């Protein structure tokens, strides 16, 4: 699966994780992991106004969740992690091809 296909599928997604002003917590990372397991491809919205802070937060999330950054535009990032046994009802990848 290449990034162009992932970006096309991710275009219509709504952010499922929102990183607030307090930044990244263990709870937020746990929820991100759960969302990546369920959906494989998720949007994350970052509230920080500072570009460098947002970049550091995205890199930290990708590293701790073993996810790949597909795209980052402004305050929104698109993360991907392949699930070896995806659920066809929740996987954005499988549902993205069905559309």
PDB file of N, CA and C in Angstrom:
ATOM      1  N   UNK A   1       0.862  -1.174   0.000  1.00  0.00           N
ATOM      2  CA  UNK A   1       0.000   0.000   0.000  1.00  0.00           C
ATOM      3  C   UNK A   1       0.906   1.234   0.000  1.00  0.00           C
ATOM      4  N   UNK A   2       0.747   2.078  -0.991  1.00  0.00           N
ATOM      5  CA  UNK A   2       1.601   3.264  -1.054  1.00  0.00           C
ATOM      6  C   UNK A   2       0.917   4.472  -0.414  1.00  0.00           C
ATOM      7  N   UNK A   3       1.715   5.503  -0.174  1.00  0.00           N
ATOM      8  CA  UNK A   3       1.214   6.686   0.537  1.00  0.00           C
ATOM      9  C   UNK A   3       0.123   7.410  -0.236  1.00  0.00           C
ATOM     10  N   UNK A   4       0.189   7.373  -1.548  1.00  0.00           N
ATOM     11  CA  UNK A   4      -0.833   8.052  -2.344  1.00  0.00           C
ATOM     12  C   UNK A   4      -2.210   7.428  -2.092  1.00  0.00           C
ATOM     13  N   UNK A   5      -2.269   6.107  -2.049  1.00  0.00           N
ATOM     14  CA  UNK A   5      -3.533   5.422  -1.767  1.00  0.00           C
ATOM     15  C   UNK A   5      -4.007   5.714  -0.348  1.00  0.00           C
ATOM     16  N   UNK A   6      -3.078   5.711   0.594  1.00  0.00           N
ATOM     17  CA  UNK A   6      -3.434   5.990   1.989  1.00  0.00           C
ATOM     18  C   UNK A   6      -3.956   7.416   2.148  1.00  0.00           C
ATOM     19  N   UNK A   7      -3.319   8.373   1.472  1.00  0.00           N
ATOM     20  CA  UNK A   7      -3.786   9.764   1.543  1.00  0.00           C
ATOM     21  C   UNK A   7      -5.189   9.890   0.946  1.00  0.00           C
ATOM     22  N   UNK A   8      -5.449   9.171  -0.142  1.00  0.00           N
ATOM     23  CA  UNK A   8      -6.775   9.224  -0.776  1.00  0.00           C
ATOM     24  C   UNK A   8      -7.849   8.691   0.163  1.00  0.00           C
ATOM     25  N   UNK A   9      -7.549   7.573   0.840  1.00  0.00           N
ATOM     26  CA  UNK A   9      -8.510   7.008   1.791  1.00  0.00           C
ATOM     27  C   UNK A   9      -8.670   7.933   2.992  1.00  0.00           C
ATOM     28  N   UNK A  10      -7.565   8.502   3.466  1.00  0.00           N
ATOM     29  CA  UNK A  10      -7.593   9.354   4.653  1.00  0.00           C
ATOM     30  C   UNK A  10      -8.235  10.707   4.444  1.00  0.00           C
ATOM     31  N   UNK A  11      -8.395  11.108   3.197  1.00  0.00           N
ATOM     32  CA  UNK A  11      -8.935  12.441   2.900  1.00  0.00           C
ATOM     33  C   UNK A  11     -10.294  12.668   3.555  1.00  0.00           C
ATOM     34  N   UNK A  12     -11.167  11.684   3.532  1.00  0.00           N
ATOM     35  CA  UNK A  12     -12.525  11.853   4.052  1.00  0.00           C
ATOM     36  C   UNK A  12     -12.677  11.488   5.521  1.00  0.00           C
ATOM     37  N   UNK A  13     -11.591  11.072   6.169  1.00  0.00           N
ATOM     38  CA  UNK A  13     -11.672  10.686   7.573  1.00  0.00           C
ATOM     39  C   UNK A  13     -11.745  11.905   8.489  1.00  0.00           C
ATOM     40  N   UNK A  14     -12.396  11.724   9.617  1.00  0.00           N
ATOM     41  CA  UNK A  14     -12.429  12.746  10.666  1.00  0.00           C
ATOM     42  C   UNK A  14     -11.377  12.365  11.718  1.00  0.00           C
ATOM     43  N   UNK A  15     -10.794  13.356  12.393  1.00  0.00           N
ATOM     44  CA  UNK A  15      -9.814  13.029  13.437  1.00  0.00           C
ATOM     45  C   UNK A  15     -10.444  12.203  14.561  1.00  0.00           C
ATOM     46  N   UNK A  16      -9.786  11.103  14.930  1.00  0.00           N
ATOM     47  CA  UNK A  16     -10.276  10.272  16.029  1.00  0.00           C
ATOM     48  C   UNK A  16      -9.480  10.509  17.306  1.00  0.00           C
ATOM     49  N   UNK A  17      -8.307  11.099  17.181  1.00  0.00           N
ATOM     50  CA  UNK A  17      -7.467  11.436  18.333  1.00  0.00           C
ATOM     51  C   UNK A  17      -7.191  12.931  18.283  1.00  0.00           C
ATOM     52  N   UNK A  18      -7.392  13.597  19.418  1.00  0.00           N
ATOM     53  CA  UNK A  18      -7.107  15.028  19.499  1.00  0.00           C
ATOM     54  C   UNK A  18      -6.113  15.248  20.634  1.00  0.00           C
ATOM     55  N   UNK A  19      -4.945  15.770  20.281  1.00  0.00           N
ATOM     56  CA  UNK A  19      -3.905  16.055  21.267  1.00  0.00           C
ATOM     57  C   UNK A  19      -4.125  17.480  21.748  1.00  0.00           C
ATOM     58  N   UNK A  20      -4.471  17.629  23.015  1.00  0.00           N
ATOM     59  CA  UNK A  20      -4.759  18.941  23.577  1.00  0.00           C
ATOM     60  C   UNK A  20      -3.497  19.695  23.974  1.00  0.00           C
ATOM     61  N   UNK A  21      -3.689  20.795  24.678  1.00  0.00           N
ATOM     62  CA  UNK A  21      -2.574  21.643  25.106  1.00  0.00           C
ATOM     63  C   UNK A  21      -1.637  20.941  26.087  1.00  0.00           C
ATOM     64  N   UNK A  22      -2.146  19.933  26.808  1.00  0.00           N
ATOM     65  CA  UNK A  22      -1.315  19.225  27.776  1.00  0.00           C
ATOM     66  C   UNK A  22      -0.357  18.250  27.111  1.00  0.00           C
ATOM     67  N   UNK A  23      -0.560  17.977  25.832  1.00  0.00           N
ATOM     68  CA  UNK A  23       0.364  17.114  25.102  1.00  0.00           C
ATOM     69  C   UNK A  23       0.003  15.645  25.168  1.00  0.00           C
ATOM     70  N   UNK A  24       1.030  14.812  25.037  1.00  0.00           N
ATOM     71  CA  UNK A  24       0.842  13.371  24.943  1.00  0.00           C
ATOM     72  C   UNK A  24       0.920  12.743  26.328  1.00  0.00           C
ATOM     73  N   UNK A  25      -0.058  11.887  26.629  1.00  0.00           N
ATOM     74  CA  UNK A  25      -0.076  11.167  27.905  1.00  0.00           C
ATOM     75  C   UNK A  25      -0.138   9.670  27.612  1.00  0.00           C
ATOM     76  N   UNK A  26       0.021   8.866  28.654  1.00  0.00           N
ATOM     77  CA  UNK A  26      -0.072   7.407  28.495  1.00  0.00           C
ATOM     78  C   UNK A  26      -1.469   7.011  28.023  1.00  0.00           C
ATOM     79  N   UNK A  27      -2.486   7.678  28.542  1.00  0.00           N
ATOM     80  CA  UNK A  27      -3.859   7.394  28.150  1.00  0.00           C
ATOM     81  C   UNK A  27      -4.081   7.701  26.675  1.00  0.00           C
ATOM     82  N   UNK A  28      -3.550   8.819  26.222  1.00  0.00           N
ATOM     83  CA  UNK A  28      -3.684   9.207  24.822  1.00  0.00           C
ATOM     84  C   UNK A  28      -2.984   8.186  23.918  1.00  0.00           C
ATOM     85  N   UNK A  29      -1.806   7.729  24.326  1.00  0.00           N
ATOM     86  CA  UNK A  29      -1.081   6.730  23.541  1.00  0.00           C
ATOM     87  C   UNK A  29      -1.820   5.393  23.512  1.00  0.00           C
ATOM     88  N   UNK A  30      -2.436   5.025  24.631  1.00  0.00           N
ATOM     89  CA  UNK A  30      -3.213   3.788  24.682  1.00  0.00           C
ATOM     90  C   UNK A  30      -4.407   3.872  23.731  1.00  0.00           C
ATOM     91  N   UNK A  31      -5.078   5.010  23.723  1.00  0.00           N
ATOM     92  CA  UNK A  31      -6.222   5.214  22.832  1.00  0.00           C
ATOM     93  C   UNK A  31      -5.772   5.231  21.371  1.00  0.00           C
ATOM     94  N   UNK A  32      -4.605   5.819  21.104  1.00  0.00           N
ATOM     95  CA  UNK A  32      -4.057   5.831  19.743  1.00  0.00           C
ATOM     96  C   UNK A  32      -3.762   4.412  19.284  1.00  0.00           C
ATOM     97  N   UNK A  33      -3.168   3.607  20.153  1.00  0.00           N
ATOM     98  CA  UNK A  33      -2.894   2.206  19.824  1.00  0.00           C
ATOM     99  C   UNK A  33      -4.184   1.448  19.522  1.00  0.00           C
ATOM    100  N   UNK A  34      -5.202   1.656  20.353  1.00  0.00           N
ATOM    101  CA  UNK A  34      -6.481   0.989  20.139  1.00  0.00           C
ATOM    102  C   UNK A  34      -7.085   1.398  18.802  1.00  0.00           C
ATOM    103  N   UNK A  35      -7.037   2.691  18.496  1.00  0.00           N
ATOM    104  CA  UNK A  35      -7.594   3.187  17.235  1.00  0.00           C
ATOM    105  C   UNK A  35      -6.838   2.642  16.025  1.00  0.00           C
ATOM    106  N   UNK A  36      -5.511   2.564  16.140  1.00  0.00           N
ATOM    107  CA  UNK A  36      -4.714   2.002  15.045  1.00  0.00           C
ATOM    108  C   UNK A  36      -5.016   0.518  14.857  1.00  0.00           C
ATOM    109  N   UNK A  37      -5.235  -0.218  15.952  1.00  0.00           N
ATOM    110  CA  UNK A  37      -5.610  -1.632  15.834  1.00  0.00           C
ATOM    111  C   UNK A  37      -6.947  -1.784  15.129  1.00  0.00           C
ATOM    112  N   UNK A  38      -7.900  -0.939  15.487  1.00  0.00           N
ATOM    113  CA  UNK A  38      -9.238  -1.036  14.907  1.00  0.00           C
ATOM    114  C   UNK A  38      -9.297  -0.529  13.470  1.00  0.00           C
ATOM    115  N   UNK A  39      -8.712   0.638  13.234  1.00  0.00           N
ATOM    116  CA  UNK A  39      -8.915   1.333  11.964  1.00  0.00           C
ATOM    117  C   UNK A  39      -7.731   1.283  10.997  1.00  0.00           C
ATOM    118  N   UNK A  40      -6.545   0.999  11.487  1.00  0.00           N
ATOM    119  CA  UNK A  40      -5.300   0.961  10.713  1.00  0.00           C
ATOM    120  C   UNK A  40      -4.843   2.343  10.236  1.00  0.00           C
ATOM    121  N   UNK A  41      -5.756   3.157   9.758  1.00  0.00           N
ATOM    122  CA  UNK A  41      -5.445   4.496   9.241  1.00  0.00           C
ATOM    123  C   UNK A  41      -6.291   5.504  10.019  1.00  0.00           C
ATOM    124  N   UNK A  42      -5.634   6.436  10.724  1.00  0.00           N
ATOM    125  CA  UNK A  42      -6.379   7.397  11.542  1.00  0.00           C
ATOM    126  C   UNK A  42      -5.832   8.804  11.338  1.00  0.00           C
ATOM    127  N   UNK A  43      -6.709   9.775  11.590  1.00  0.00           N
ATOM    128  CA  UNK A  43      -6.307  11.176  11.609  1.00  0.00           C
ATOM    129  C   UNK A  43      -6.143  11.608  13.057  1.00  0.00           C
ATOM    130  N   UNK A  44      -5.112  12.407  13.279  1.00  0.00           N
ATOM    131  CA  UNK A  44      -4.834  12.957  14.603  1.00  0.00           C
ATOM    132  C   UNK A  44      -4.788  14.472  14.475  1.00  0.00           C
ATOM    133  N   UNK A  45      -5.507  15.158  15.350  1.00  0.00           N
ATOM    134  CA  UNK A  45      -5.481  16.622  15.354  1.00  0.00           C
ATOM    135  C   UNK A  45      -4.654  17.077  16.549  1.00  0.00           C
ATOM    136  N   UNK A  46      -3.750  18.012  16.288  1.00  0.00           N
ATOM    137  CA  UNK A  46      -2.871  18.528  17.336  1.00  0.00           C
ATOM    138  C   UNK A  46      -3.215  19.987  17.610  1.00  0.00           C
ATOM    139  N   UNK A  47      -3.410  20.322  18.883  1.00  0.00           N
ATOM    140  CA  UNK A  47      -3.859  21.662  19.246  1.00  0.00           C
ATOM    141  C   UNK A  47      -2.733  22.683  19.338  1.00  0.00           C
ATOM    142  N   UNK A  48      -1.504  22.233  19.440  1.00  0.00           N
ATOM    143  CA  UNK A  48      -0.374  23.146  19.648  1.00  0.00           C
ATOM    144  C   UNK A  48      -0.219  24.123  18.483  1.00  0.00           C
ATOM    145  N   UNK A  49       0.057  25.381  18.808  1.00  0.00           N
ATOM    146  CA  UNK A  49       0.243  26.397  17.779  1.00  0.00           C
ATOM    147  C   UNK A  49       1.655  26.372  17.203  1.00  0.00           C
ATOM    148  N   UNK A  50       2.592  25.775  17.928  1.00  0.00           N
ATOM    149  CA  UNK A  50       3.990  25.754  17.513  1.00  0.00           C
ATOM    150  C   UNK A  50       4.273  24.571  16.583  1.00  0.00           C
ATOM    151  N   UNK A  51       4.791  24.859  15.414  1.00  0.00           N
ATOM    152  CA  UNK A  51       5.056  23.835  14.401  1.00  0.00           C
ATOM    153  C   UNK A  51       6.048  22.785  14.891  1.00  0.00           C
ATOM    154  N   UNK A  52       7.119  23.219  15.547  1.00  0.00           N
ATOM    155  CA  UNK A  52       8.133  22.283  16.036  1.00  0.00           C
ATOM    156  C   UNK A  52       7.568  21.359  17.121  1.00  0.00           C
ATOM    157  N   UNK A  53       6.707  21.898  17.966  1.00  0.00           N
ATOM    158  CA  UNK A  53       6.075  21.082  19.005  1.00  0.00           C
ATOM    159  C   UNK A  53       5.184  20.026  18.383  1.00  0.00           C
ATOM    160  N   UNK A  54       4.387  20.424  17.380  1.00  0.00           N
ATOM    161  CA  UNK A  54       3.512  19.467  16.685  1.00  0.00           C
ATOM    162  C   UNK A  54       4.340  18.361  16.034  1.00  0.00           C
ATOM    163  N   UNK A  55       5.442  18.750  15.391  1.00  0.00           N
ATOM    164  CA  UNK A  55       6.300  17.766  14.727  1.00  0.00           C
ATOM    165  C   UNK A  55       6.868  16.779  15.747  1.00  0.00           C
ATOM    166  N   UNK A  56       7.314  17.284  16.888  1.00  0.00           N
ATOM    167  CA  UNK A  56       7.864  16.424  17.949  1.00  0.00           C
ATOM    168  C   UNK A  56       6.780  15.484  18.494  1.00  0.00           C
ATOM    169  N   UNK A  57       5.558  15.999  18.666  1.00  0.00           N
ATOM    170  CA  UNK A  57       4.465  15.176  19.166  1.00  0.00           C
ATOM    171  C   UNK A  57       4.127  14.058  18.173  1.00  0.00           C
ATOM    172  N   UNK A  58       4.092  14.374  16.889  1.00  0.00           N
ATOM    173  CA  UNK A  58       3.794  13.368  15.862  1.00  0.00           C
ATOM    174  C   UNK A  58       4.880  12.293  15.862  1.00  0.00           C
ATOM    175  N   UNK A  59       6.134  12.719  15.915  1.00  0.00           N
ATOM    176  CA  UNK A  59       7.242  11.756  15.918  1.00  0.00           C
ATOM    177  C   UNK A  59       7.180  10.860  17.153  1.00  0.00           C
ATOM    178  N   UNK A  60       6.848  11.439  18.309  1.00  0.00           N
ATOM    179  CA  UNK A  60       6.744  10.657  19.546  1.00  0.00           C
ATOM    180  C   UNK A  60       5.599   9.646  19.456  1.00  0.00           C
ATOM    181  N   UNK A  61       4.479  10.061  18.901  1.00  0.00           N
ATOM    182  CA  UNK A  61       3.335   9.154  18.752  1.00  0.00           C
ATOM    183  C   UNK A  61       3.679   8.013  17.796  1.00  0.00           C
ATOM    184  N   UNK A  62       4.300   8.341  16.682  1.00  0.00           N
ATOM    185  CA  UNK A  62       4.673   7.309  15.707  1.00  0.00           C
ATOM    186  C   UNK A  62       5.651   6.307  16.321  1.00  0.00           C
ATOM    187  N   UNK A  63       6.626   6.813  17.053  1.00  0.00           N
ATOM    188  CA  UNK A  63       7.626   5.942  17.658  1.00  0.00           C
ATOM    189  C   UNK A  63       7.014   5.036  18.716  1.00  0.00           C
ATOM    190  N   UNK A  64       6.183   5.581  19.590  1.00  0.00           N
ATOM    191  CA  UNK A  64       5.638   4.779  20.683  1.00  0.00           C
ATOM    192  C   UNK A  64       4.526   3.840  20.228  1.00  0.00           C
ATOM    193  N   UNK A  65       3.855   4.173  19.131  1.00  0.00           N
ATOM    194  CA  UNK A  65       2.762   3.325  18.626  1.00  0.00           C
ATOM    195  C   UNK A  65       3.193   2.467  17.445  1.00  0.00           C
ATOM    196  N   UNK A  66       4.469   2.562  17.064  1.00  0.00           N
ATOM    197  CA  UNK A  66       4.991   1.812  15.924  1.00  0.00           C
ATOM    198  C   UNK A  66       4.166   2.087  14.664  1.00  0.00           C
ATOM    199  N   UNK A  67       3.841   3.349  14.452  1.00  0.00           N
ATOM    200  CA  UNK A  67       3.019   3.761  13.315  1.00  0.00           C
ATOM    201  C   UNK A  67       3.865   4.536  12.311  1.00  0.00           C
ATOM    202  N   UNK A  68       3.334   4.667  11.124  1.00  0.00           N
ATOM    203  CA  UNK A  68       4.005   5.394  10.051  1.00  0.00           C
ATOM    204  C   UNK A  68       3.241   6.690   9.780  1.00  0.00           C
ATOM    205  N   UNK A  69       3.971   7.779   9.658  1.00  0.00           N
ATOM    206  CA  UNK A  69       3.348   9.046   9.297  1.00  0.00           C
ATOM    207  C   UNK A  69       3.128   9.048   7.795  1.00  0.00           C
ATOM    208  N   UNK A  70       1.874   9.154   7.385  1.00  0.00           N
ATOM    209  CA  UNK A  70       1.536   9.180   5.966  1.00  0.00           C
ATOM    210  C   UNK A  70       1.588  10.609   5.454  1.00  0.00           C
ATOM    211  N   UNK A  71       1.005  11.525   6.234  1.00  0.00           N
ATOM    212  CA  UNK A  71       0.916  12.913   5.799  1.00  0.00           C
ATOM    213  C   UNK A  71       0.695  13.808   7.010  1.00  0.00           C
ATOM    214  N   UNK A  72       1.230  15.012   6.939  1.00  0.00           N
ATOM    215  CA  UNK A  72       1.006  15.998   7.987  1.00  0.00           C
ATOM    216  C   UNK A  72       0.763  17.344   7.316  1.00  0.00           C
ATOM    217  N   UNK A  73      -0.436  17.876   7.519  1.00  0.00           N
ATOM    218  CA  UNK A  73      -0.779  19.177   6.957  1.00  0.00           C
ATOM    219  C   UNK A  73      -1.316  20.036   8.095  1.00  0.00           C
ATOM    220  N   UNK A  74      -0.620  21.110   8.378  1.00  0.00           N
ATOM    221  CA  UNK A  74      -1.062  22.008   9.445  1.00  0.00           C
ATOM    222  C   UNK A  74      -1.128  21.283  10.772  1.00  0.00           C
ATOM    223  N   UNK A  75      -2.310  21.269  11.376  1.00  0.00           N
ATOM    224  CA  UNK A  75      -2.493  20.663  12.692  1.00  0.00           C
ATOM    225  C   UNK A  75      -3.066  19.248  12.618  1.00  0.00           C
ATOM    226  N   UNK A  76      -3.078  18.657  11.432  1.00  0.00           N
ATOM    227  CA  UNK A  76      -3.645  17.323  11.260  1.00  0.00           C
ATOM    228  C   UNK A  76      -2.600  16.375  10.683  1.00  0.00           C
ATOM    229  N   UNK A  77      -2.502  15.191  11.298  1.00  0.00           N
ATOM    230  CA  UNK A  77      -1.571  14.165  10.820  1.00  0.00           C
ATOM    231  C   UNK A  77      -2.353  12.893  10.514  1.00  0.00           C
ATOM    232  N   UNK A  78      -1.880  12.163   9.521  1.00  0.00           N
ATOM    233  CA  UNK A  78      -2.487  10.898   9.126  1.00  0.00           C
ATOM    234  C   UNK A  78      -1.493   9.786   9.462  1.00  0.00           C
ATOM    235  N   UNK A  79      -1.908   8.874  10.355  1.00  0.00           N
ATOM    236  CA  UNK A  79      -1.036   7.798  10.809  1.00  0.00           C
ATOM    237  C   UNK A  79      -1.546   6.452  10.308  1.00  0.00           C
ATOM    238  N   UNK A  80      -0.606   5.540  10.018  1.00  0.00           N
ATOM    239  CA  UNK A  80      -0.958   4.216   9.506  1.00  0.00           C
ATOM    240  C   UNK A  80      -0.146   3.155  10.219  1.00  0.00           C
ATOM    241  N   UNK A  81      -0.826   2.078  10.587  1.00  0.00           N
ATOM    242  CA  UNK A  81      -0.161   0.887  11.097  1.00  0.00           C
ATOM    243  C   UNK A  81      -0.964  -0.321  10.635  1.00  0.00           C
ATOM    244  N   UNK A  82      -0.315  -1.202   9.897  1.00  0.00           N
ATOM    245  CA  UNK A  82      -0.990  -2.385   9.361  1.00  0.00           C
ATOM    246  C   UNK A  82      -1.381  -3.318  10.483  1.00  0.00           C
ATOM    247  N   UNK A  83      -2.598  -3.817  10.409  1.00  0.00           N
ATOM    248  CA  UNK A  83      -3.092  -4.815  11.346  1.00  0.00           C
ATOM    249  C   UNK A  83      -3.056  -6.162  10.624  1.00  0.00           C
ATOM    250  N   UNK A  84      -2.365  -7.184  11.187  1.00  0.00           N
ATOM    251  CA  UNK A  84      -2.290  -8.466  10.496  1.00  0.00           C
ATOM    252  C   UNK A  84      -3.655  -9.144  10.320  1.00  0.00           C
ATOM    253  N   UNK A  85      -4.582  -8.875  11.231  1.00  0.00           N
ATOM    254  CA  UNK A  85      -5.932  -9.450  11.129  1.00  0.00           C
ATOM    255  C   UNK A  85      -6.964  -8.327  11.252  1.00  0.00           C
ATOM    256  N   UNK A  86      -7.108  -7.492  10.209  1.00  0.00           N
ATOM    257  CA  UNK A  86      -8.040  -6.360  10.318  1.00  0.00           C
ATOM    258  C   UNK A  86      -9.502  -6.802  10.336  1.00  0.00           C
ATOM    259  N   UNK A  87     -10.294  -6.070  11.062  1.00  0.00           N
ATOM    260  CA  UNK A  87     -11.733  -6.292  11.097  1.00  0.00           C
ATOM    261  C   UNK A  87     -12.346  -5.555   9.912  1.00  0.00           C
ATOM    262  N   UNK A  88     -13.008  -6.256   8.999  1.00  0.00           N
ATOM    263  CA  UNK A  88     -13.564  -5.584   7.810  1.00  0.00           C
ATOM    264  C   UNK A  88     -14.593  -4.499   8.137  1.00  0.00           C
ATOM    265  N   UNK A  89     -15.198  -4.579   9.324  1.00  0.00           N
ATOM    266  CA  UNK A  89     -16.212  -3.585   9.681  1.00  0.00           C
ATOM    267  C   UNK A  89     -15.611  -2.296  10.212  1.00  0.00           C
ATOM    268  N   UNK A  90     -14.373  -2.357  10.751  1.00  0.00           N
ATOM    269  CA  UNK A  90     -13.780  -1.155  11.337  1.00  0.00           C
ATOM    270  C   UNK A  90     -12.558  -0.642  10.587  1.00  0.00           C
ATOM    271  N   UNK A  91     -11.930  -1.456   9.766  1.00  0.00           N
ATOM    272  CA  UNK A  91     -10.715  -1.040   9.073  1.00  0.00           C
ATOM    273  C   UNK A  91     -11.013   0.014   8.014  1.00  0.00           C
ATOM    274  N   UNK A  92     -10.375   1.168   8.145  1.00  0.00           N
ATOM    275  CA  UNK A  92     -10.549   2.218   7.136  1.00  0.00           C
ATOM    276  C   UNK A  92      -9.928   1.818   5.807  1.00  0.00           C
ATOM    277  N   UNK A  93      -8.936   0.948   5.825  1.00  0.00           N
ATOM    278  CA  UNK A  93      -8.277   0.505   4.595  1.00  0.00           C
ATOM    279  C   UNK A  93      -9.243  -0.360   3.785  1.00  0.00           C
ATOM    280  N   UNK A  94      -9.832  -1.355   4.422  1.00  0.00           N
ATOM    281  CA  UNK A  94     -10.766  -2.242   3.722  1.00  0.00           C
ATOM    282  C   UNK A  94     -12.001  -1.469   3.273  1.00  0.00           C
ATOM    283  N   UNK A  95     -12.536  -0.652   4.166  1.00  0.00           N
ATOM    284  CA  UNK A  95     -13.722   0.136   3.809  1.00  0.00           C
ATOM    285  C   UNK A  95     -13.406   1.181   2.763  1.00  0.00           C
ATOM    286  N   UNK A  96     -12.165   1.705   2.761  1.00  0.00           N
ATOM    287  CA  UNK A  96     -11.761   2.707   1.778  1.00  0.00           C
ATOM    288  C   UNK A  96     -11.777   2.168   0.363  1.00  0.00           C
ATOM    289  N   UNK A  97     -11.417   0.889   0.205  1.00  0.00           N
ATOM    290  CA  UNK A  97     -11.441   0.276  -1.123  1.00  0.00           C
ATOM    291  C   UNK A  97     -12.843  -0.093  -1.550  1.00  0.00           C
ATOM    292  N   UNK A  98     -13.735  -0.261  -0.574  1.00  0.00           N
ATOM    293  CA  UNK A  98     -15.119  -0.626  -0.897  1.00  0.00           C
ATOM    294  C   UNK A  98     -15.886   0.565  -1.453  1.00  0.00           C
ATOM    295  N   UNK A  99     -15.462   1.774  -1.108  1.00  0.00           N
ATOM    296  CA  UNK A  99     -16.183   2.983  -1.552  1.00  0.00           C
ATOM    297  C   UNK A  99     -15.985   3.245  -3.035  1.00  0.00           C
TER     298      UNK A  99
END
